[in-house]
Amino acid sequence: MMKNKILFTIVIGVAVIAIFFMRKPTNNTDFIPVNDQGEQYFEEPDFQNMKVILIETDSVRVFIDFEKYQINEGSFVNKISYFNQQNIKAIRKDYLHPNGVTKYYMDLLISNTKEEDLKNVSLDISSSQYLDKVIDSLRLGMITIDPKEGSPGKYYFTYWYVIKGVEDTDIHLTVTTDTDGSNINVGWET
């Protein structure tokens, strides 16, 4: 009886360690940041700097302090449509790559969306079986900016994607780029 308990404990411990090491690596940190006092904090978008911009037929929320980051707002807004097309191409390319993470993130997005919301846009939980069709349903919903750690004056953009018609979701497929749209990284955010 005691041997079974010890063996069970060892198996569980090995499984937990194996899961940790087998995770798909990403550049996105999924740990909760801690400030100097040891308290958890979550960086929220600065709503004072939010702008709603119409890109093609979609409203995109942009959380960028253009003055702080010395970005030409007009030039940036004109490039959003191009960056959006480039990001969708990157998502498709990653989806087709054998080591890509898009399939996993898209499945996560679908499985964490309310079933009635998916039905409203003619999808369902089994949509993860044909994720390539769901990519066509992605819509750019938000753009944020974050400074690069250890690189003063440098920053990157995060483009947050939702499924068209499903706005109230906790999980977003994201594409992070540098200021000129290169160094693309596909990930997810909550």
Protein backbone atom coordinates (compact mmCIF):
# COMPACT_ATOMS: atom_id res chain seq x y z
CA MET A 1 0.00 0.00 0.00
CA MET A 2 2.77 2.43 0.94
CA LYS A 3 4.76 1.45 -2.17
CA ASN A 4 1.76 2.34 -4.35
CA LYS A 5 1.46 5.80 -2.77
CA ILE A 6 5.18 6.49 -3.24
CA LEU A 7 5.08 5.22 -6.83
CA PHE A 8 1.99 7.34 -7.56
CA THR A 9 3.69 10.45 -6.12
CA ILE A 10 6.81 9.85 -8.23
CA VAL A 11 4.77 9.36 -11.41
CA ILE A 12 2.83 12.59 -10.81
CA GLY A 13 6.07 14.50 -10.12
CA VAL A 14 7.72 13.20 -13.29
CA ALA A 15 4.59 14.09 -15.32
CA VAL A 16 4.56 17.67 -14.00
CA ILE A 17 8.27 18.12 -14.77
CA ALA A 18 7.81 16.60 -18.26
CA ILE A 19 4.91 18.95 -19.03
CA PHE A 20 7.03 21.94 -17.99
CA PHE A 21 9.91 20.95 -20.29
CA MET A 22 7.69 19.95 -23.23
CA ARG A 23 5.87 23.29 -23.45
CA LYS A 24 6.24 25.06 -26.77
CA PRO A 25 8.68 27.92 -26.25
CA THR A 26 7.54 31.43 -27.12
CA ASN A 27 8.89 34.89 -26.68
CA ASN A 28 5.78 35.77 -24.70
CA THR A 29 6.30 35.46 -20.99
CA ASP A 30 3.41 33.73 -19.31
CA PHE A 31 4.54 34.46 -15.77
CA ILE A 32 2.79 37.07 -13.66
CA PRO A 33 5.10 40.09 -13.30
CA VAL A 34 6.02 41.19 -9.79
CA ASN A 35 6.96 44.74 -8.79
CA ASP A 36 9.70 45.83 -6.37
CA GLN A 37 7.47 45.25 -3.35
CA GLY A 38 6.72 41.68 -4.43
CA GLU A 39 3.12 42.45 -5.36
CA GLN A 40 1.60 41.21 -8.60
CA TYR A 41 0.69 43.80 -11.20
CA PHE A 42 -0.89 43.76 -14.61
CA GLU A 43 -0.14 46.51 -17.08
CA GLU A 44 -3.40 47.86 -18.41
CA PRO A 45 -3.74 49.84 -21.63
CA ASP A 46 -3.77 53.59 -21.10
CA PHE A 47 -7.37 54.50 -21.90
CA GLN A 48 -6.50 58.21 -22.07
CA ASN A 49 -4.48 57.50 -25.19
CA MET A 50 -7.03 55.19 -26.81
CA LYS A 51 -8.13 56.08 -30.30
CA VAL A 52 -10.68 54.23 -32.37
CA ILE A 53 -9.55 54.12 -35.99
CA LEU A 54 -11.58 52.81 -38.91
CA ILE A 55 -9.45 50.42 -40.98
CA GLU A 56 -11.30 49.28 -44.09
CA THR A 57 -14.68 48.42 -42.48
CA ASP A 58 -13.43 47.55 -38.99
CA SER A 59 -12.99 49.74 -35.92
CA VAL A 60 -9.59 49.17 -34.33
CA ARG A 61 -8.80 50.38 -30.82
CA VAL A 62 -5.30 51.83 -30.71
CA PHE A 63 -3.62 52.31 -27.32
CA ILE A 64 -0.55 54.34 -28.27
CA ASP A 65 0.77 57.57 -26.81
CA PHE A 66 2.09 58.94 -30.11
CA GLU A 67 3.85 61.87 -28.42
CA LYS A 68 5.60 59.74 -25.80
CA TYR A 69 6.95 57.32 -28.40
CA GLN A 70 7.54 60.03 -31.01
CA ILE A 71 5.51 58.27 -33.69
CA ASN A 72 3.94 60.12 -36.60
CA GLU A 73 0.28 59.25 -36.03
CA GLY A 74 -0.85 59.88 -39.63
CA SER A 75 1.93 57.74 -41.08
CA PHE A 76 1.25 54.95 -38.59
CA VAL A 77 -2.51 54.94 -39.27
CA ASN A 78 -1.85 54.77 -43.02
CA LYS A 79 0.36 51.69 -42.51
CA ILE A 80 -2.06 49.73 -40.28
CA SER A 81 -3.87 48.14 -43.22
CA TYR A 82 -0.56 47.00 -44.73
CA PHE A 83 0.70 45.66 -41.37
CA ASN A 84 -2.62 43.85 -40.88
CA GLN A 85 -2.28 42.10 -44.26
CA GLN A 86 1.34 41.25 -43.47
CA ASN A 87 0.35 39.84 -40.06
CA ILE A 88 -2.40 37.63 -41.54
CA LYS A 89 0.15 36.29 -44.06
CA ALA A 90 2.51 35.55 -41.15
CA ILE A 91 -0.29 33.76 -39.28
CA ARG A 92 -1.02 31.63 -42.39
CA LYS A 93 2.68 30.87 -42.89
CA ASP A 94 3.07 29.86 -39.24
CA TYR A 95 -0.12 27.78 -39.50
CA LEU A 96 1.39 25.76 -42.37
CA HIS A 97 4.83 25.39 -40.74
CA PRO A 98 5.34 22.00 -39.02
CA ASN A 99 6.70 23.71 -35.89
CA GLY A 100 4.25 26.62 -36.01
CA VAL A 101 2.24 27.64 -32.97
CA THR A 102 -0.79 29.12 -34.74
CA LYS A 103 -2.80 25.87 -34.76
CA TYR A 104 -2.40 25.59 -30.99
CA TYR A 105 -3.30 29.27 -30.39
CA MET A 106 -6.27 29.19 -32.77
CA ASP A 107 -7.59 26.07 -31.05
CA LEU A 108 -7.14 27.84 -27.71
CA LEU A 109 -9.03 30.88 -29.04
CA ILE A 110 -11.92 28.75 -30.30
CA SER A 111 -12.18 26.52 -27.24
CA ASN A 112 -12.25 29.57 -24.94
CA THR A 113 -14.99 31.37 -26.85
CA LYS A 114 -18.60 30.97 -25.73
CA GLU A 115 -20.38 28.37 -27.82
CA GLU A 116 -23.34 30.69 -28.53
CA ASP A 117 -20.95 33.39 -29.81
CA LEU A 118 -19.37 30.86 -32.17
CA LYS A 119 -22.80 29.77 -33.42
CA ASN A 120 -23.67 33.42 -34.16
CA VAL A 121 -20.80 33.49 -36.67
CA SER A 122 -21.48 29.99 -38.06
CA LEU A 123 -18.68 28.30 -36.12
CA ASP A 124 -18.59 25.82 -33.27
CA ILE A 125 -16.08 24.17 -30.95
CA SER A 126 -15.27 21.59 -33.64
CA SER A 127 -14.02 24.51 -35.78
CA SER A 128 -10.57 23.63 -34.51
CA GLN A 129 -10.74 20.77 -37.04
CA TYR A 130 -10.65 23.32 -39.88
CA LEU A 131 -8.63 26.17 -38.43
CA ASP A 132 -7.48 27.30 -41.86
CA LYS A 133 -11.05 28.55 -42.49
CA VAL A 134 -11.10 30.34 -39.14
CA ILE A 135 -8.04 32.38 -40.16
CA ASP A 136 -10.28 34.03 -42.77
CA SER A 137 -12.55 35.08 -39.90
CA LEU A 138 -9.83 36.93 -37.97
CA ARG A 139 -10.24 40.66 -37.42
CA LEU A 140 -7.76 43.15 -36.02
CA GLY A 141 -9.37 44.51 -32.87
CA MET A 142 -6.65 46.34 -30.97
CA ILE A 143 -3.07 47.59 -31.21
CA THR A 144 -0.86 48.23 -28.20
CA ILE A 145 2.71 49.40 -27.79
CA ASP A 146 5.29 48.23 -25.28
CA PRO A 147 8.87 49.34 -24.64
CA LYS A 148 11.61 46.79 -25.31
CA GLU A 149 13.26 45.75 -22.07
CA GLY A 150 16.86 46.92 -21.87
CA SER A 151 16.52 49.07 -25.02
CA PRO A 152 15.59 52.64 -24.08
CA GLY A 153 13.72 54.44 -26.85
CA LYS A 154 12.83 51.17 -28.63
CA TYR A 155 9.44 49.51 -28.58
CA TYR A 156 7.28 46.93 -30.30
CA PHE A 157 3.67 46.75 -31.41
CA THR A 158 1.19 44.01 -30.51
CA TYR A 159 -1.74 43.45 -32.86
CA TRP A 160 -4.66 41.71 -31.12
CA TYR A 161 -6.95 39.55 -33.28
CA VAL A 162 -10.47 38.30 -32.60
CA ILE A 163 -12.91 36.24 -34.65
CA LYS A 164 -15.17 38.54 -36.70
CA GLY A 165 -18.47 38.86 -34.90
CA VAL A 166 -17.08 37.60 -31.57
CA GLU A 167 -15.93 40.69 -29.71
CA ASP A 168 -16.37 39.64 -26.08
CA THR A 169 -13.48 37.22 -25.61
CA ASP A 170 -10.76 36.80 -23.02
CA ILE A 171 -8.18 35.24 -25.32
CA HIS A 172 -6.73 36.88 -28.41
CA LEU A 173 -4.40 35.66 -31.12
CA THR A 174 -1.60 38.23 -31.27
CA VAL A 175 1.16 39.25 -33.62
CA THR A 176 4.05 41.22 -32.18
CA THR A 177 6.38 43.18 -34.48
CA ASP A 178 9.04 45.82 -34.23
CA THR A 179 8.30 49.35 -35.45
CA ASP A 180 8.73 48.60 -39.15
CA GLY A 181 6.60 45.44 -39.04
CA SER A 182 9.42 42.91 -39.07
CA ASN A 183 10.55 40.35 -36.46
CA ILE A 184 7.03 38.94 -36.38
CA ASN A 185 6.07 36.69 -33.49
CA VAL A 186 2.68 34.94 -33.34
CA GLY A 187 1.33 34.36 -29.84
CA TRP A 188 -1.68 34.87 -27.61
CA GLU A 189 -2.74 37.23 -24.87
CA THR A 190 -5.53 37.43 -22.34
